Amino acid sequence: MKKVDIRVIKTKKAIENAFIEILSEKSFSKITIEEICKKANVNRMSFYNHYDDKYDLLNDIMKNIKETLIGKFLAEVGAEFTEEKVISVLMETAEKIIDLGTEFKNHIYMLVNDTDNSLAQYIIYKSLETSTLELLEKLRDKYNLDRKPLPLMASFITGGGTSMIINWLHNNENYSRDDLIYFLKEFINASLLVLHKLSEKNNK
């Protein structure tokens, strides 16, 4: 087993925290490695020991978020892989995502509203899409699904879900948090209905 270097963990955490703090005030495209290092109190060599550039840093942060969410999802579902349990945990996960979106509203604005951030936006989208695909593959055996439509379904769910949340963050005076949760529940139920239809088709 590879030994964990506490210094590496602390350095990476300092860099991540510095980046997140700066992102609340400045668009991603305008953030420099120099100011991340200054805020994190590390030198540029330390930064490049762990990351190729700020895009690699963002990708690593999204990877950690993805692994945490999927890990918690699978741990909470456990062996009781019933549809009711899956829906319940999916809704709990969706609520956590909504609350994270509210807490980091400024950060999201800085990432999605900057026309120079296309690569950063792509990194975020692909991370969310990969997470969705991994969850769908966990449901594959339960619904006897063919693998082929799952990537398309993951794209559909990711695109619809993220657009809904971003729209809500821009216009949350029109809808309450409970409204969004209700819409997401309907969205999840509709997605599961599609899974049922695919399952019935594959069983014929």
N, C-alpha and C. Protein backbone atom coordinates (compact mmCIF):
# COMPACT_ATOMS: atom_id res chain seq x y z
N MET A 1 0.83 -1.19 0.00
CA MET A 1 0.00 0.00 0.00
C MET A 1 0.87 1.25 0.00
N LYS A 2 0.52 2.20 -0.91
CA LYS A 2 1.31 3.41 -1.03
C LYS A 2 1.10 4.31 0.19
N LYS A 3 2.21 4.78 0.76
CA LYS A 3 2.13 5.63 1.94
C LYS A 3 1.63 7.02 1.56
N VAL A 4 0.69 7.53 2.35
CA VAL A 4 0.14 8.86 2.09
C VAL A 4 1.05 9.91 2.70
N ASP A 5 1.45 10.87 1.89
CA ASP A 5 2.31 11.97 2.36
C ASP A 5 1.40 13.11 2.83
N ILE A 6 1.38 13.36 4.13
CA ILE A 6 0.53 14.38 4.71
C ILE A 6 0.86 15.76 4.13
N ARG A 7 2.14 15.99 3.84
CA ARG A 7 2.54 17.29 3.30
C ARG A 7 1.92 17.53 1.93
N VAL A 8 1.86 16.47 1.13
CA VAL A 8 1.24 16.58 -0.20
C VAL A 8 -0.24 16.92 -0.07
N ILE A 9 -0.91 16.23 0.85
CA ILE A 9 -2.34 16.47 1.07
C ILE A 9 -2.59 17.90 1.51
N LYS A 10 -1.77 18.39 2.44
CA LYS A 10 -1.93 19.76 2.94
C LYS A 10 -1.66 20.79 1.86
N THR A 11 -0.62 20.54 1.04
CA THR A 11 -0.28 21.48 -0.04
C THR A 11 -1.41 21.55 -1.06
N LYS A 12 -1.91 20.38 -1.49
CA LYS A 12 -2.99 20.36 -2.47
C LYS A 12 -4.26 21.00 -1.92
N LYS A 13 -4.53 20.76 -0.65
CA LYS A 13 -5.72 21.36 -0.03
C LYS A 13 -5.59 22.87 0.03
N ALA A 14 -4.40 23.36 0.34
CA ALA A 14 -4.16 24.81 0.39
C ALA A 14 -4.36 25.43 -0.99
N ILE A 15 -3.86 24.75 -2.02
CA ILE A 15 -4.01 25.24 -3.39
C ILE A 15 -5.48 25.25 -3.81
N GLU A 16 -6.20 24.17 -3.51
CA GLU A 16 -7.61 24.08 -3.85
C GLU A 16 -8.42 25.17 -3.15
N ASN A 17 -8.17 25.36 -1.84
CA ASN A 17 -8.90 26.37 -1.08
C ASN A 17 -8.62 27.77 -1.61
N ALA A 18 -7.35 28.02 -1.97
CA ALA A 18 -6.98 29.33 -2.51
C ALA A 18 -7.70 29.58 -3.83
N PHE A 19 -7.71 28.57 -4.69
CA PHE A 19 -8.38 28.67 -5.98
C PHE A 19 -9.87 28.96 -5.80
N ILE A 20 -10.51 28.22 -4.91
CA ILE A 20 -11.95 28.38 -4.67
C ILE A 20 -12.25 29.78 -4.11
N GLU A 21 -11.40 30.26 -3.22
CA GLU A 21 -11.59 31.60 -2.65
C GLU A 21 -11.46 32.67 -3.73
N ILE A 22 -10.46 32.56 -4.58
CA ILE A 22 -10.26 33.54 -5.65
C ILE A 22 -11.41 33.48 -6.65
N LEU A 23 -11.91 32.27 -6.92
CA LEU A 23 -12.98 32.09 -7.91
C LEU A 23 -14.28 32.78 -7.49
N SER A 24 -14.45 33.03 -6.20
CA SER A 24 -15.66 33.72 -5.75
C SER A 24 -15.64 35.20 -6.12
N GLU A 25 -14.46 35.71 -6.50
CA GLU A 25 -14.31 37.13 -6.79
C GLU A 25 -13.88 37.42 -8.22
N LYS A 26 -13.37 36.42 -8.92
CA LYS A 26 -12.78 36.65 -10.23
C LYS A 26 -13.12 35.51 -11.18
N SER A 27 -13.37 35.83 -12.45
CA SER A 27 -13.69 34.78 -13.41
C SER A 27 -12.50 33.86 -13.62
N PHE A 28 -12.78 32.62 -13.97
CA PHE A 28 -11.75 31.60 -14.13
C PHE A 28 -10.67 32.03 -15.12
N SER A 29 -11.08 32.62 -16.23
CA SER A 29 -10.12 32.98 -17.26
C SER A 29 -9.10 34.02 -16.81
N LYS A 30 -9.44 34.79 -15.77
CA LYS A 30 -8.54 35.85 -15.30
C LYS A 30 -7.69 35.41 -14.10
N ILE A 31 -7.92 34.22 -13.60
CA ILE A 31 -7.14 33.72 -12.46
C ILE A 31 -5.78 33.25 -12.95
N THR A 32 -4.72 33.62 -12.25
CA THR A 32 -3.36 33.22 -12.63
C THR A 32 -2.79 32.25 -11.60
N ILE A 33 -1.82 31.46 -12.05
CA ILE A 33 -1.13 30.54 -11.15
C ILE A 33 -0.43 31.32 -10.05
N GLU A 34 0.12 32.47 -10.41
CA GLU A 34 0.85 33.29 -9.44
C GLU A 34 -0.03 33.68 -8.25
N GLU A 35 -1.25 34.13 -8.53
CA GLU A 35 -2.10 34.56 -7.41
C GLU A 35 -2.64 33.36 -6.62
N ILE A 36 -2.82 32.22 -7.28
CA ILE A 36 -3.22 31.01 -6.53
C ILE A 36 -2.11 30.65 -5.55
N CYS A 37 -0.86 30.67 -6.03
CA CYS A 37 0.28 30.32 -5.18
C CYS A 37 0.43 31.31 -4.02
N LYS A 38 0.24 32.57 -4.33
CA LYS A 38 0.37 33.61 -3.29
C LYS A 38 -0.69 33.41 -2.21
N LYS A 39 -1.91 33.17 -2.63
CA LYS A 39 -3.01 32.97 -1.68
C LYS A 39 -2.80 31.69 -0.87
N ALA A 40 -2.27 30.65 -1.51
CA ALA A 40 -2.05 29.36 -0.84
C ALA A 40 -0.75 29.33 -0.03
N ASN A 41 0.07 30.36 -0.24
CA ASN A 41 1.37 30.44 0.44
C ASN A 41 2.28 29.26 0.04
N VAL A 42 2.31 28.98 -1.26
CA VAL A 42 3.20 27.95 -1.80
C VAL A 42 3.93 28.54 -3.00
N ASN A 43 5.05 27.95 -3.40
CA ASN A 43 5.76 28.46 -4.58
C ASN A 43 5.24 27.77 -5.85
N ARG A 44 5.60 28.34 -6.99
CA ARG A 44 5.12 27.82 -8.27
C ARG A 44 5.58 26.38 -8.51
N MET A 45 6.77 26.04 -8.04
CA MET A 45 7.27 24.68 -8.22
C MET A 45 6.35 23.68 -7.51
N SER A 46 5.90 24.05 -6.30
CA SER A 46 4.98 23.18 -5.56
C SER A 46 3.69 22.98 -6.33
N PHE A 47 3.20 24.07 -6.93
CA PHE A 47 1.97 23.96 -7.72
C PHE A 47 2.16 22.98 -8.87
N TYR A 48 3.25 23.18 -9.64
CA TYR A 48 3.47 22.35 -10.83
C TYR A 48 3.92 20.92 -10.50
N ASN A 49 4.24 20.69 -9.25
CA ASN A 49 4.51 19.31 -8.82
C ASN A 49 3.23 18.48 -8.79
N HIS A 50 2.10 19.19 -8.66
CA HIS A 50 0.81 18.51 -8.51
C HIS A 50 -0.15 18.73 -9.67
N TYR A 51 -0.01 19.86 -10.36
CA TYR A 51 -0.95 20.20 -11.43
C TYR A 51 -0.21 20.72 -12.66
N ASP A 52 -0.73 20.41 -13.84
CA ASP A 52 -0.14 20.93 -15.07
C ASP A 52 -0.46 22.41 -15.26
N ASP A 53 -1.69 22.77 -14.89
CA ASP A 53 -2.16 24.15 -15.04
C ASP A 53 -3.44 24.31 -14.23
N LYS A 54 -4.11 25.44 -14.36
CA LYS A 54 -5.32 25.67 -13.57
C LYS A 54 -6.48 24.79 -14.05
N TYR A 55 -6.44 24.37 -15.31
CA TYR A 55 -7.47 23.46 -15.81
C TYR A 55 -7.33 22.09 -15.18
N ASP A 56 -6.10 21.66 -15.00
CA ASP A 56 -5.83 20.39 -14.33
C ASP A 56 -6.29 20.46 -12.88
N LEU A 57 -6.10 21.61 -12.25
CA LEU A 57 -6.56 21.82 -10.87
C LEU A 57 -8.07 21.72 -10.79
N LEU A 58 -8.76 22.40 -11.71
CA LEU A 58 -10.22 22.34 -11.74
C LEU A 58 -10.70 20.91 -11.97
N ASN A 59 -10.06 20.21 -12.88
CA ASN A 59 -10.42 18.83 -13.17
C ASN A 59 -10.26 17.94 -11.94
N ASP A 60 -9.19 18.17 -11.17
CA ASP A 60 -8.94 17.39 -9.96
C ASP A 60 -10.00 17.66 -8.90
N ILE A 61 -10.39 18.92 -8.77
CA ILE A 61 -11.44 19.29 -7.82
C ILE A 61 -12.76 18.61 -8.20
N MET A 62 -13.12 18.66 -9.50
CA MET A 62 -14.35 18.04 -9.95
C MET A 62 -14.30 16.53 -9.77
N LYS A 63 -13.14 15.93 -9.99
CA LYS A 63 -12.97 14.49 -9.79
C LYS A 63 -13.22 14.12 -8.33
N ASN A 64 -12.71 14.91 -7.41
CA ASN A 64 -12.90 14.65 -5.98
C ASN A 64 -14.37 14.78 -5.59
N ILE A 65 -15.04 15.81 -6.14
CA ILE A 65 -16.47 16.00 -5.86
C ILE A 65 -17.26 14.81 -6.39
N LYS A 66 -16.94 14.38 -7.61
CA LYS A 66 -17.63 13.25 -8.24
C LYS A 66 -17.47 11.99 -7.40
N GLU A 67 -16.23 11.68 -7.00
CA GLU A 67 -15.97 10.47 -6.22
C GLU A 67 -16.67 10.51 -4.87
N THR A 68 -16.73 11.70 -4.27
CA THR A 68 -17.42 11.85 -2.98
C THR A 68 -18.91 11.61 -3.13
N LEU A 69 -19.53 12.23 -4.15
CA LEU A 69 -20.98 12.09 -4.34
C LEU A 69 -21.37 10.66 -4.69
N ILE A 70 -20.62 10.04 -5.60
CA ILE A 70 -20.94 8.66 -5.98
C ILE A 70 -20.68 7.71 -4.82
N GLY A 71 -19.59 7.95 -4.09
CA GLY A 71 -19.29 7.11 -2.93
C GLY A 71 -20.39 7.18 -1.88
N LYS A 72 -20.86 8.39 -1.60
CA LYS A 72 -21.95 8.55 -0.62
C LYS A 72 -23.23 7.93 -1.13
N PHE A 73 -23.49 8.08 -2.43
CA PHE A 73 -24.70 7.52 -3.01
C PHE A 73 -24.73 6.00 -2.84
N LEU A 74 -23.63 5.34 -3.22
CA LEU A 74 -23.57 3.89 -3.13
C LEU A 74 -23.59 3.42 -1.68
N ALA A 75 -22.95 4.17 -0.79
CA ALA A 75 -22.94 3.79 0.62
C ALA A 75 -24.33 3.89 1.22
N GLU A 76 -25.08 4.93 0.83
CA GLU A 76 -26.42 5.12 1.38
C GLU A 76 -27.44 4.15 0.79
N VAL A 77 -27.26 3.83 -0.50
CA VAL A 77 -28.16 2.83 -1.11
C VAL A 77 -27.88 1.45 -0.52
N GLY A 78 -26.58 1.13 -0.39
CA GLY A 78 -26.17 -0.15 0.20
C GLY A 78 -26.70 -1.34 -0.57
N ALA A 79 -26.98 -2.40 0.16
CA ALA A 79 -27.45 -3.64 -0.47
C ALA A 79 -28.92 -3.54 -0.87
N GLU A 80 -29.62 -2.58 -0.29
CA GLU A 80 -31.05 -2.42 -0.55
C GLU A 80 -31.25 -1.63 -1.85
N PHE A 81 -30.97 -2.29 -2.97
CA PHE A 81 -30.97 -1.59 -4.25
C PHE A 81 -32.37 -1.63 -4.87
N THR A 82 -33.37 -1.18 -4.11
CA THR A 82 -34.74 -1.12 -4.63
C THR A 82 -34.94 0.22 -5.32
N GLU A 83 -35.96 0.29 -6.17
CA GLU A 83 -36.21 1.55 -6.88
C GLU A 83 -36.56 2.66 -5.91
N GLU A 84 -37.33 2.34 -4.87
CA GLU A 84 -37.72 3.35 -3.88
C GLU A 84 -36.49 3.91 -3.17
N LYS A 85 -35.56 3.01 -2.84
CA LYS A 85 -34.34 3.45 -2.16
C LYS A 85 -33.48 4.30 -3.09
N VAL A 86 -33.39 3.89 -4.34
CA VAL A 86 -32.59 4.64 -5.32
C VAL A 86 -33.15 6.05 -5.48
N ILE A 87 -34.49 6.16 -5.64
CA ILE A 87 -35.12 7.48 -5.81
C ILE A 87 -34.88 8.34 -4.58
N SER A 88 -35.03 7.73 -3.40
CA SER A 88 -34.83 8.47 -2.14
C SER A 88 -33.43 9.04 -2.05
N VAL A 89 -32.44 8.21 -2.33
CA VAL A 89 -31.05 8.66 -2.23
C VAL A 89 -30.71 9.65 -3.34
N LEU A 90 -31.26 9.43 -4.54
CA LEU A 90 -31.05 10.39 -5.63
C LEU A 90 -31.58 11.77 -5.25
N MET A 91 -32.74 11.81 -4.60
CA MET A 91 -33.31 13.09 -4.19
C MET A 91 -32.47 13.73 -3.10
N GLU A 92 -31.97 12.94 -2.17
CA GLU A 92 -31.09 13.49 -1.13
C GLU A 92 -29.82 14.06 -1.76
N THR A 93 -29.29 13.34 -2.76
CA THR A 93 -28.09 13.82 -3.46
C THR A 93 -28.40 15.09 -4.23
N ALA A 94 -29.57 15.14 -4.88
CA ALA A 94 -29.96 16.33 -5.63
C ALA A 94 -30.10 17.54 -4.70
N GLU A 95 -30.66 17.32 -3.51
CA GLU A 95 -30.80 18.41 -2.54
C GLU A 95 -29.44 18.93 -2.10
N LYS A 96 -28.48 18.01 -1.91
CA LYS A 96 -27.13 18.43 -1.53
C LYS A 96 -26.50 19.26 -2.65
N ILE A 97 -26.73 18.85 -3.90
CA ILE A 97 -26.19 19.58 -5.04
C ILE A 97 -26.81 20.98 -5.12
N ILE A 98 -28.12 21.07 -4.88
CA ILE A 98 -28.80 22.36 -4.89
C ILE A 98 -28.24 23.28 -3.80
N ASP A 99 -28.04 22.72 -2.61
CA ASP A 99 -27.51 23.52 -1.50
C ASP A 99 -26.07 23.94 -1.77
N LEU A 100 -25.29 23.05 -2.40
CA LEU A 100 -23.92 23.42 -2.79
C LEU A 100 -23.94 24.52 -3.84
N GLY A 101 -24.88 24.41 -4.77
CA GLY A 101 -25.02 25.43 -5.80
C GLY A 101 -25.36 26.78 -5.21
N THR A 102 -26.21 26.78 -4.17
CA THR A 102 -26.58 28.03 -3.50
C THR A 102 -25.39 28.59 -2.74
N GLU A 103 -24.66 27.71 -2.04
CA GLU A 103 -23.51 28.15 -1.25
C GLU A 103 -22.41 28.72 -2.14
N PHE A 104 -22.20 28.10 -3.30
CA PHE A 104 -21.13 28.52 -4.20
C PHE A 104 -21.68 29.20 -5.46
N LYS A 105 -22.74 29.96 -5.27
CA LYS A 105 -23.42 30.63 -6.38
C LYS A 105 -22.46 31.53 -7.16
N ASN A 106 -21.67 32.33 -6.45
CA ASN A 106 -20.74 33.24 -7.12
C ASN A 106 -19.70 32.48 -7.94
N HIS A 107 -19.25 31.35 -7.41
CA HIS A 107 -18.26 30.55 -8.12
C HIS A 107 -18.83 30.02 -9.44
N ILE A 108 -20.09 29.58 -9.37
CA ILE A 108 -20.75 29.05 -10.57
C ILE A 108 -20.90 30.15 -11.61
N TYR A 109 -21.31 31.34 -11.15
CA TYR A 109 -21.42 32.47 -12.08
C TYR A 109 -20.09 32.75 -12.77
N MET A 110 -19.03 32.73 -11.99
CA MET A 110 -17.72 33.04 -12.54
C MET A 110 -17.27 32.00 -13.58
N LEU A 111 -17.78 30.78 -13.46
CA LEU A 111 -17.41 29.72 -14.39
C LEU A 111 -18.29 29.68 -15.62
N VAL A 112 -19.60 29.88 -15.44
CA VAL A 112 -20.52 29.68 -16.56
C VAL A 112 -20.84 30.95 -17.34
N ASN A 113 -20.56 32.11 -16.76
CA ASN A 113 -20.93 33.36 -17.43
C ASN A 113 -19.78 34.01 -18.20
N ASP A 114 -18.62 33.42 -18.14
CA ASP A 114 -17.44 33.98 -18.81
C ASP A 114 -17.25 33.29 -20.16
N THR A 115 -17.32 34.05 -21.23
CA THR A 115 -17.22 33.46 -22.57
C THR A 115 -15.84 32.87 -22.84
N ASP A 116 -14.85 33.24 -22.03
CA ASP A 116 -13.49 32.70 -22.20
C ASP A 116 -13.29 31.39 -21.45
N ASN A 117 -14.35 30.90 -20.84
CA ASN A 117 -14.22 29.72 -19.97
C ASN A 117 -14.72 28.43 -20.61
N SER A 118 -14.72 28.33 -21.93
CA SER A 118 -15.31 27.17 -22.58
C SER A 118 -14.65 25.86 -22.14
N LEU A 119 -13.33 25.84 -21.98
CA LEU A 119 -12.66 24.61 -21.56
C LEU A 119 -13.01 24.27 -20.12
N ALA A 120 -13.07 25.27 -19.25
CA ALA A 120 -13.44 25.05 -17.85
C ALA A 120 -14.86 24.51 -17.77
N GLN A 121 -15.76 25.10 -18.56
CA GLN A 121 -17.16 24.64 -18.58
C GLN A 121 -17.24 23.19 -19.08
N TYR A 122 -16.43 22.88 -20.07
CA TYR A 122 -16.40 21.51 -20.62
C TYR A 122 -15.93 20.52 -19.55
N ILE A 123 -14.91 20.90 -18.79
CA ILE A 123 -14.39 20.03 -17.73
C ILE A 123 -15.47 19.72 -16.70
N ILE A 124 -16.21 20.76 -16.31
CA ILE A 124 -17.29 20.59 -15.32
C ILE A 124 -18.39 19.70 -15.88
N TYR A 125 -18.81 20.00 -17.11
CA TYR A 125 -19.89 19.22 -17.73
C TYR A 125 -19.51 17.76 -17.87
N LYS A 126 -18.29 17.48 -18.37
CA LYS A 126 -17.87 16.10 -18.59
C LYS A 126 -17.76 15.35 -17.26
N SER A 127 -17.36 16.04 -16.20
CA SER A 127 -17.28 15.39 -14.89
C SER A 127 -18.66 15.00 -14.41
N LEU A 128 -19.64 15.89 -14.58
CA LEU A 128 -21.01 15.60 -14.18
C LEU A 128 -21.61 14.50 -15.05
N GLU A 129 -21.31 14.55 -16.34
CA GLU A 129 -21.82 13.53 -17.27
C GLU A 129 -21.24 12.16 -16.94
N THR A 130 -19.95 12.11 -16.61
CA THR A 130 -19.31 10.84 -16.23
C THR A 130 -19.93 10.29 -14.95
N SER A 131 -20.21 11.18 -13.99
CA SER A 131 -20.84 10.75 -12.74
C SER A 131 -22.21 10.14 -13.01
N THR A 132 -22.98 10.82 -13.86
CA THR A 132 -24.31 10.33 -14.21
C THR A 132 -24.23 8.99 -14.90
N LEU A 133 -23.29 8.83 -15.82
CA LEU A 133 -23.12 7.57 -16.53
C LEU A 133 -22.75 6.44 -15.57
N GLU A 134 -21.88 6.73 -14.62
CA GLU A 134 -21.49 5.70 -13.64
C GLU A 134 -22.68 5.26 -12.81
N LEU A 135 -23.55 6.20 -12.45
CA LEU A 135 -24.75 5.85 -11.67
C LEU A 135 -25.71 5.03 -12.52
N LEU A 136 -25.86 5.41 -13.79
CA LEU A 136 -26.74 4.64 -14.68
C LEU A 136 -26.23 3.22 -14.87
N GLU A 137 -24.92 3.07 -14.95
CA GLU A 137 -24.35 1.73 -15.11
C GLU A 137 -24.59 0.88 -13.87
N LYS A 138 -24.69 1.53 -12.71
CA LYS A 138 -25.02 0.79 -11.48
C LYS A 138 -26.46 0.27 -11.54
N LEU A 139 -27.31 1.01 -12.29
CA LEU A 139 -28.71 0.60 -12.43
C LEU A 139 -28.92 -0.37 -13.60
N ARG A 140 -27.88 -0.55 -14.41
CA ARG A 140 -28.02 -1.33 -15.65
C ARG A 140 -28.53 -2.75 -15.40
N ASP A 141 -27.94 -3.45 -14.44
CA ASP A 141 -28.34 -4.83 -14.18
C ASP A 141 -29.76 -4.90 -13.65
N LYS A 142 -30.13 -3.94 -12.80
CA LYS A 142 -31.48 -3.93 -12.23
C LYS A 142 -32.54 -3.81 -13.32
N TYR A 143 -32.25 -2.96 -14.34
CA TYR A 143 -33.22 -2.72 -15.39
C TYR A 143 -32.91 -3.49 -16.68
N ASN A 144 -31.91 -4.39 -16.62
CA ASN A 144 -31.55 -5.21 -17.78
C ASN A 144 -31.33 -4.34 -19.03
N LEU A 145 -30.51 -3.31 -18.85
CA LEU A 145 -30.32 -2.34 -19.93
C LEU A 145 -29.19 -2.72 -20.86
N ASP A 146 -29.37 -2.41 -22.12
CA ASP A 146 -28.28 -2.48 -23.07
C ASP A 146 -27.36 -1.30 -22.79
N ARG A 147 -26.05 -1.47 -22.95
CA ARG A 147 -25.10 -0.39 -22.66
C ARG A 147 -25.22 0.79 -23.63
N LYS A 148 -25.65 0.53 -24.86
CA LYS A 148 -25.58 1.55 -25.90
C LYS A 148 -26.31 2.85 -25.59
N PRO A 149 -27.54 2.83 -25.04
CA PRO A 149 -28.23 4.11 -24.85
C PRO A 149 -27.77 4.89 -23.61
N LEU A 150 -27.02 4.26 -22.72
CA LEU A 150 -26.67 4.91 -21.46
C LEU A 150 -25.87 6.20 -21.63
N PRO A 151 -24.86 6.26 -22.50
CA PRO A 151 -24.15 7.53 -22.68
C PRO A 151 -25.07 8.66 -23.16
N LEU A 152 -26.02 8.31 -24.05
CA LEU A 152 -26.96 9.31 -24.53
C LEU A 152 -27.87 9.77 -23.41
N MET A 153 -28.31 8.82 -22.59
CA MET A 153 -29.18 9.17 -21.46
C MET A 153 -28.42 10.03 -20.45
N ALA A 154 -27.15 9.70 -20.23
CA ALA A 154 -26.33 10.48 -19.30
C ALA A 154 -26.20 11.92 -19.78
N SER A 155 -26.02 12.10 -21.09
CA SER A 155 -25.93 13.45 -21.66
C SER A 155 -27.24 14.20 -21.49
N PHE A 156 -28.34 13.50 -21.72
CA PHE A 156 -29.66 14.11 -21.60
C PHE A 156 -29.93 14.56 -20.17
N ILE A 157 -29.66 13.68 -19.21
CA ILE A 157 -29.92 13.99 -17.80
C ILE A 157 -29.00 15.12 -17.32
N THR A 158 -27.72 15.03 -17.69
CA THR A 158 -26.75 16.05 -17.26
C THR A 158 -27.11 17.41 -17.83
N GLY A 159 -27.39 17.45 -19.13
CA GLY A 159 -27.73 18.72 -19.76
C GLY A 159 -28.98 19.35 -19.18
N GLY A 160 -30.03 18.52 -19.01
CA GLY A 160 -31.28 19.03 -18.46
C GLY A 160 -31.16 19.46 -17.01
N GLY A 161 -30.49 18.62 -16.21
CA GLY A 161 -30.35 18.91 -14.79
C GLY A 161 -29.52 20.15 -14.52
N THR A 162 -28.37 20.26 -15.19
CA THR A 162 -27.50 21.42 -14.96
C THR A 162 -28.15 22.71 -15.47
N SER A 163 -28.81 22.64 -16.61
CA SER A 163 -29.49 23.83 -17.14
C SER A 163 -30.58 24.29 -16.18
N MET A 164 -31.31 23.34 -15.60
CA MET A 164 -32.37 23.68 -14.66
C MET A 164 -31.81 24.39 -13.42
N ILE A 165 -30.71 23.85 -12.88
CA ILE A 165 -30.13 24.44 -11.68
C ILE A 165 -29.54 25.82 -11.97
N ILE A 166 -28.83 25.96 -13.10
CA ILE A 166 -28.24 27.25 -13.46
C ILE A 166 -29.33 28.29 -13.68
N ASN A 167 -30.40 27.89 -14.37
CA ASN A 167 -31.52 28.80 -14.58
C ASN A 167 -32.12 29.24 -13.25
N TRP A 168 -32.23 28.31 -12.31
CA TRP A 168 -32.78 28.63 -10.99
C TRP A 168 -31.87 29.60 -10.24
N LEU A 169 -30.56 29.40 -10.33
CA LEU A 169 -29.64 30.30 -9.66
C LEU A 169 -29.73 31.73 -10.22
N HIS A 170 -30.02 31.82 -11.52
CA HIS A 170 -30.18 33.13 -12.14
C HIS A 170 -31.52 33.76 -11.79
N ASN A 171 -32.54 32.93 -11.56
CA ASN A 171 -33.91 33.44 -11.36
C ASN A 171 -34.56 32.84 -10.12
N ASN A 172 -33.77 32.69 -9.03
CA ASN A 172 -34.33 31.98 -7.87
C ASN A 172 -35.39 32.77 -7.13
N GLU A 173 -35.59 34.04 -7.53
CA GLU A 173 -36.69 34.78 -6.90
C GLU A 173 -38.03 34.29 -7.43
N ASN A 174 -38.02 33.60 -8.59
CA ASN A 174 -39.26 33.09 -9.18
C ASN A 174 -39.65 31.71 -8.65
N TYR A 175 -38.66 30.97 -8.15
CA TYR A 175 -38.91 29.61 -7.67
C TYR A 175 -38.20 29.40 -6.34
N SER A 176 -38.86 28.71 -5.44
CA SER A 176 -38.23 28.41 -4.16
C SER A 176 -37.36 27.17 -4.30
N ARG A 177 -36.58 26.92 -3.27
CA ARG A 177 -35.76 25.71 -3.23
C ARG A 177 -36.65 24.47 -3.33
N ASP A 178 -37.80 24.49 -2.65
CA ASP A 178 -38.73 23.36 -2.69
C ASP A 178 -39.31 23.15 -4.09
N ASP A 179 -39.53 24.27 -4.81
CA ASP A 179 -40.02 24.15 -6.19
C ASP A 179 -39.01 23.39 -7.04
N LEU A 180 -37.74 23.77 -6.90
CA LEU A 180 -36.70 23.12 -7.70
C LEU A 180 -36.59 21.64 -7.35
N ILE A 181 -36.67 21.32 -6.07
CA ILE A 181 -36.60 19.92 -5.64
C ILE A 181 -37.77 19.13 -6.23
N TYR A 182 -38.94 19.75 -6.25
CA TYR A 182 -40.11 19.08 -6.83
C TYR A 182 -39.88 18.81 -8.33
N PHE A 183 -39.39 19.82 -9.05
CA PHE A 183 -39.14 19.65 -10.49
C PHE A 183 -38.08 18.57 -10.73
N LEU A 184 -37.04 18.55 -9.89
CA LEU A 184 -35.99 17.54 -10.04
C LEU A 184 -36.53 16.14 -9.77
N LYS A 185 -37.43 16.03 -8.80
CA LYS A 185 -38.04 14.73 -8.51
C LYS A 185 -38.83 14.24 -9.71
N GLU A 186 -39.59 15.15 -10.34
CA GLU A 186 -40.34 14.79 -11.54
C GLU A 186 -39.38 14.38 -12.66
N PHE A 187 -38.27 15.09 -12.76
CA PHE A 187 -37.25 14.81 -13.78
C PHE A 187 -36.65 13.42 -13.57
N ILE A 188 -36.32 13.10 -12.31
CA ILE A 188 -35.76 11.79 -11.98
C ILE A 188 -36.77 10.68 -12.26
N ASN A 189 -38.02 10.90 -11.87
CA ASN A 189 -39.07 9.90 -12.12
C ASN A 189 -39.25 9.66 -13.62
N ALA A 190 -39.20 10.74 -14.41
CA ALA A 190 -39.34 10.61 -15.87
C ALA A 190 -38.17 9.82 -16.44
N SER A 191 -36.96 10.06 -15.91
CA SER A 191 -35.77 9.34 -16.38
C SER A 191 -35.89 7.85 -16.05
N LEU A 192 -36.38 7.54 -14.86
CA LEU A 192 -36.55 6.14 -14.46
C LEU A 192 -37.64 5.46 -15.30
N LEU A 193 -38.64 6.24 -15.69
CA LEU A 193 -39.69 5.70 -16.55
C LEU A 193 -39.09 5.27 -17.89
N VAL A 194 -38.17 6.08 -18.40
CA VAL A 194 -37.47 5.72 -19.64
C VAL A 194 -36.69 4.43 -19.45
N LEU A 195 -36.05 4.28 -18.28
CA LEU A 195 -35.32 3.04 -17.98
C LEU A 195 -36.26 1.84 -18.00
N HIS A 196 -37.45 2.03 -17.44
CA HIS A 196 -38.43 0.94 -17.45
C HIS A 196 -38.81 0.56 -18.89
N LYS A 197 -39.04 1.56 -19.72
CA LYS A 197 -39.42 1.31 -21.11
C LYS A 197 -38.31 0.55 -21.84
N LEU A 198 -37.07 0.98 -21.59
CA LEU A 198 -35.93 0.30 -22.22
C LEU A 198 -35.81 -1.14 -21.72
N SER A 199 -36.09 -1.31 -20.41
CA SER A 199 -36.02 -2.64 -19.83
C SER A 199 -37.06 -3.57 -20.44
N GLU A 200 -38.29 -3.04 -20.60
CA GLU A 200 -39.38 -3.84 -21.20
C GLU A 200 -39.01 -4.22 -22.64
N LYS A 201 -38.42 -3.28 -23.36
CA LYS A 201 -38.03 -3.52 -24.75
C LYS A 201 -36.97 -4.60 -24.83
N ASN A 202 -36.00 -4.56 -23.91
CA ASN A 202 -34.91 -5.53 -23.93
C ASN A 202 -35.37 -6.93 -23.52
N ASN A 203 -36.48 -6.99 -22.75
CA ASN A 203 -36.99 -8.27 -22.28
C ASN A 203 -37.90 -8.95 -23.29
N LYS A 204 -38.26 -8.22 -24.34
CA LYS A 204 -39.16 -8.81 -25.35
C LYS A 204 -38.40 -9.76 -26.26
